[in-house]
C-alpha atoms as a PDB file:
ATOM      1  CA  MET A   1     100.221  74.308  78.043  1.00  0.00           C
ATOM      2  CA  THR A   2      97.108  76.202  78.533  1.00  0.00           C
ATOM      3  CA  VAL A   3      96.129  77.788  82.252  1.00  0.00           C
ATOM      4  CA  LEU A   4      92.008  76.707  82.495  1.00  0.00           C
ATOM      5  CA  ARG A   5      91.425  78.126  85.939  1.00  0.00           C
ATOM      6  CA  ILE A   6      93.383  80.198  88.801  1.00  0.00           C
ATOM      7  CA  VAL A   7      91.867  79.831  92.021  1.00  0.00           C
ATOM      8  CA  PRO A   8      92.826  81.843  95.264  1.00  0.00           C
ATOM      9  CA  ASN A   9      92.952  79.782  98.369  1.00  0.00           C
ATOM     10  CA  PHE A  10      92.468  81.226 101.975  1.00  0.00           C
ATOM     11  CA  GLN A  11      93.504  79.756 105.159  1.00  0.00           C
ATOM     12  CA  ALA A  12      90.206  79.260 107.301  1.00  0.00           C
ATOM     13  CA  ASN A  13      90.284  77.417 110.502  1.00  0.00           C
ATOM     14  CA  HIS A  14      86.379  76.989 110.083  1.00  0.00           C
ATOM     15  CA  PRO A  15      85.712  76.681 106.168  1.00  0.00           C
ATOM     16  CA  GLY A  16      81.710  76.105 106.742  1.00  0.00           C
ATOM     17  CA  GLU A  17      81.759  79.628 108.780  1.00  0.00           C
ATOM     18  CA  ALA A  18      83.626  81.743 106.355  1.00  0.00           C
ATOM     19  CA  ALA A  19      81.742  80.067 103.423  1.00  0.00           C
ATOM     20  CA  ARG A  20      78.669  81.216 105.011  1.00  0.00           C
ATOM     21  CA  PHE A  21      80.171  85.005 105.507  1.00  0.00           C
ATOM     22  CA  TYR A  22      81.107  84.971 101.784  1.00  0.00           C
ATOM     23  CA  GLY A  23      77.805  83.043 100.476  1.00  0.00           C
ATOM     24  CA  GLU A  24      75.777  85.571 102.200  1.00  0.00           C
ATOM     25  CA  LEU A  25      77.765  88.538 101.551  1.00  0.00           C
ATOM     26  CA  PHE A  26      78.571  88.134  97.883  1.00  0.00           C
ATOM     27  CA  GLY A  27      75.477  85.596  96.991  1.00  0.00           C
ATOM     28  CA  LEU A  28      78.055  82.994  96.002  1.00  0.00           C
ATOM     29  CA  ASP A  29      77.091  78.980  96.027  1.00  0.00           C
ATOM     30  CA  ARG A  30      78.978  76.008  97.315  1.00  0.00           C
ATOM     31  CA  ALA A  31      80.121  74.073  94.714  1.00  0.00           C
ATOM     32  CA  MET A  32      82.046  71.683  96.730  1.00  0.00           C
ATOM     33  CA  ASP A  33      82.427  70.811 100.309  1.00  0.00           C
ATOM     34  CA  MET A  34      84.709  68.284 101.806  1.00  0.00           C
ATOM     35  CA  GLY A  35      84.730  69.556 105.502  1.00  0.00           C
ATOM     36  CA  TRP A  36      88.291  70.503 105.325  1.00  0.00           C
ATOM     37  CA  ILE A  37      87.721  72.582 102.196  1.00  0.00           C
ATOM     38  CA  VAL A  38      84.618  74.572 100.852  1.00  0.00           C
ATOM     39  CA  THR A  39      84.564  75.979  97.298  1.00  0.00           C
ATOM     40  CA  LEU A  40      82.354  78.691  96.373  1.00  0.00           C
ATOM     41  CA  THR A  41      81.331  79.770  92.965  1.00  0.00           C
ATOM     42  CA  SER A  42      79.132  82.412  91.512  1.00  0.00           C
ATOM     43  CA  PRO A  43      75.734  81.131  90.506  1.00  0.00           C
ATOM     44  CA  THR A  44      76.157  83.140  87.253  1.00  0.00           C
ATOM     45  CA  ASN A  45      79.720  82.958  86.048  1.00  0.00           C
ATOM     46  CA  MET A  46      82.185  80.312  86.829  1.00  0.00           C
ATOM     47  CA  THR A  47      85.107  82.712  86.920  1.00  0.00           C
ATOM     48  CA  PRO A  48      85.076  84.131  90.502  1.00  0.00           C
ATOM     49  CA  GLN A  49      85.877  81.181  92.434  1.00  0.00           C
ATOM     50  CA  MET A  50      87.299  81.126  96.186  1.00  0.00           C
ATOM     51  CA  SER A  51      88.367  77.822  98.308  1.00  0.00           C
ATOM     52  CA  LEU A  52      88.288  78.440 102.347  1.00  0.00           C
ATOM     53  CA  MET A  53      90.435  75.663 103.628  1.00  0.00           C
ATOM     54  CA  ARG A  54      91.636  74.127 107.075  1.00  0.00           C
ATOM     55  CA  GLU A  55      94.207  71.968 105.210  1.00  0.00           C
ATOM     56  CA  GLY A  56      95.658  71.651 101.780  1.00  0.00           C
ATOM     57  CA  GLY A  57      94.077  67.800 101.346  1.00  0.00           C
ATOM     58  CA  SER A  58      96.184  64.507 101.956  1.00  0.00           C
ATOM     59  CA  GLY A  59      97.653  66.520 105.178  1.00  0.00           C
ATOM     60  CA  THR A  60      99.417  69.048 103.248  1.00  0.00           C
ATOM     61  CA  GLU A  61      99.709  72.807 103.635  1.00  0.00           C
ATOM     62  CA  VAL A  62      97.354  75.124 102.570  1.00  0.00           C
ATOM     63  CA  PRO A  63      98.641  76.410  99.385  1.00  0.00           C
ATOM     64  CA  ASP A  64      98.335  80.184  98.610  1.00  0.00           C
ATOM     65  CA  ILE A  65      96.837  79.879  95.075  1.00  0.00           C
ATOM     66  CA  SER A  66      95.632  76.893  92.806  1.00  0.00           C
ATOM     67  CA  VAL A  67      96.164  76.852  89.072  1.00  0.00           C
ATOM     68  CA  GLU A  68      94.738  74.319  87.157  1.00  0.00           C
ATOM     69  CA  VAL A  69      95.978  73.569  83.666  1.00  0.00           C
ATOM     70  CA  ASP A  70      95.319  70.782  80.764  1.00  0.00           C
ATOM     71  CA  ASP A  71      98.688  68.921  81.368  1.00  0.00           C
ATOM     72  CA  VAL A  72      99.899  68.796  84.729  1.00  0.00           C
ATOM     73  CA  ASP A  73     102.526  66.639  83.884  1.00  0.00           C
ATOM     74  CA  ALA A  74     104.288  69.207  81.696  1.00  0.00           C
ATOM     75  CA  ALA A  75     103.682  71.812  84.116  1.00  0.00           C
ATOM     76  CA  HIS A  76     105.642  69.663  86.506  1.00  0.00           C
ATOM     77  CA  ALA A  77     108.208  68.811  84.135  1.00  0.00           C
ATOM     78  CA  ARG A  78     108.843  72.708  83.442  1.00  0.00           C
ATOM     79  CA  ALA A  79     108.911  73.300  87.157  1.00  0.00           C
ATOM     80  CA  LYS A  80     111.495  70.445  87.836  1.00  0.00           C
ATOM     81  CA  ASN A  81     113.746  71.998  84.538  1.00  0.00           C
ATOM     82  CA  ALA A  82     113.576  75.308  85.757  1.00  0.00           C
ATOM     83  CA  GLY A  83     115.110  74.160  89.204  1.00  0.00           C
ATOM     84  CA  PHE A  84     112.075  75.477  91.090  1.00  0.00           C
ATOM     85  CA  GLU A  85     111.467  73.860  94.370  1.00  0.00           C
ATOM     86  CA  ILE A  86     108.699  71.032  94.791  1.00  0.00           C
ATOM     87  CA  ALA A  87     107.169  71.345  97.677  1.00  0.00           C
ATOM     88  CA  TYR A  88     104.765  68.286  97.422  1.00  0.00           C
ATOM     89  CA  THR A  89     105.279  65.483  94.572  1.00  0.00           C
ATOM     90  CA  LEU A  90     102.842  64.920  91.625  1.00  0.00           C
ATOM     91  CA  VAL A  91     100.172  62.665  92.850  1.00  0.00           C
ATOM     92  CA  ASP A  92      97.043  61.328  91.961  1.00  0.00           C
ATOM     93  CA  GLU A  93      94.708  62.419  94.959  1.00  0.00           C
ATOM     94  CA  LEU A  94      91.891  60.281  95.943  1.00  0.00           C
ATOM     95  CA  TRP A  95      89.291  63.334  94.984  1.00  0.00           C
ATOM     96  CA  GLY A  96      90.135  62.943  91.384  1.00  0.00           C
ATOM     97  CA  VAL A  97      92.927  65.471  90.842  1.00  0.00           C
ATOM     98  CA  ARG A  98      96.409  64.847  89.778  1.00  0.00           C
ATOM     99  CA  ARG A  99      98.580  67.429  91.354  1.00  0.00           C
ATOM    100  CA  PHE A 100     101.923  69.228  92.731  1.00  0.00           C
ATOM    101  CA  PHE A 101     102.795  71.851  94.977  1.00  0.00           C
ATOM    102  CA  VAL A 102     105.849  74.350  94.055  1.00  0.00           C
ATOM    103  CA  ARG A 103     107.111  77.130  95.700  1.00  0.00           C
ATOM    104  CA  ASP A 104     107.406  80.840  94.264  1.00  0.00           C
ATOM    105  CA  PRO A 105     110.430  83.077  94.659  1.00  0.00           C
ATOM    106  CA  GLN A 106     108.696  84.652  97.612  1.00  0.00           C
ATOM    107  CA  GLY A 107     107.798  81.202  99.014  1.00  0.00           C
ATOM    108  CA  ARG A 108     104.306  80.965  98.058  1.00  0.00           C
ATOM    109  CA  THR A 109     102.554  77.616  97.804  1.00  0.00           C
ATOM    110  CA  VAL A 110     101.345  77.122  94.195  1.00  0.00           C
ATOM    111  CA  ASN A 111      99.047  74.279  93.922  1.00  0.00           C
ATOM    112  CA  ILE A 112      98.984  72.966  90.169  1.00  0.00           C
ATOM    113  CA  LEU A 113      96.628  70.531  89.115  1.00  0.00           C
ATOM    114  CA  SER A 114      94.337  68.790  86.528  1.00  0.00           C
ATOM    115  CA  HIS A 115      91.422  66.942  86.758  1.00  0.00           C
ATOM    116  CA  SER A 116      91.334  62.997  86.344  1.00  0.00           C
ATOM    117  CA  SER A 117      89.461  61.903  82.919  1.00  0.00           C
ATOM    118  CA  LYS A 118      88.904  58.605  84.683  1.00  0.00           C
END
């Protein structure tokens, strides 16, 4: 398994307002805006990224961090085999990601995902 991206997720009651603040302050562009989530990226470098969420999608809680991997099924198997708490089962979401949530030892929710190749 190779980590492709790690994304911090911040709770935001009004993601659009938060996006305007960070966009204007840091010059970030809106890479995605689905209303409940706005993802900001650097116009010159895709490394920095931030998601501002009202919810975690599909009615889930807002995860503390998102980690994109090349094989989410392998990551899910690792988490289950280690006995980690799965907070949201492995699922193919309508917006093109396959993901699950797991809790870290401090109770933080980690969203582990891969983008669908369909």
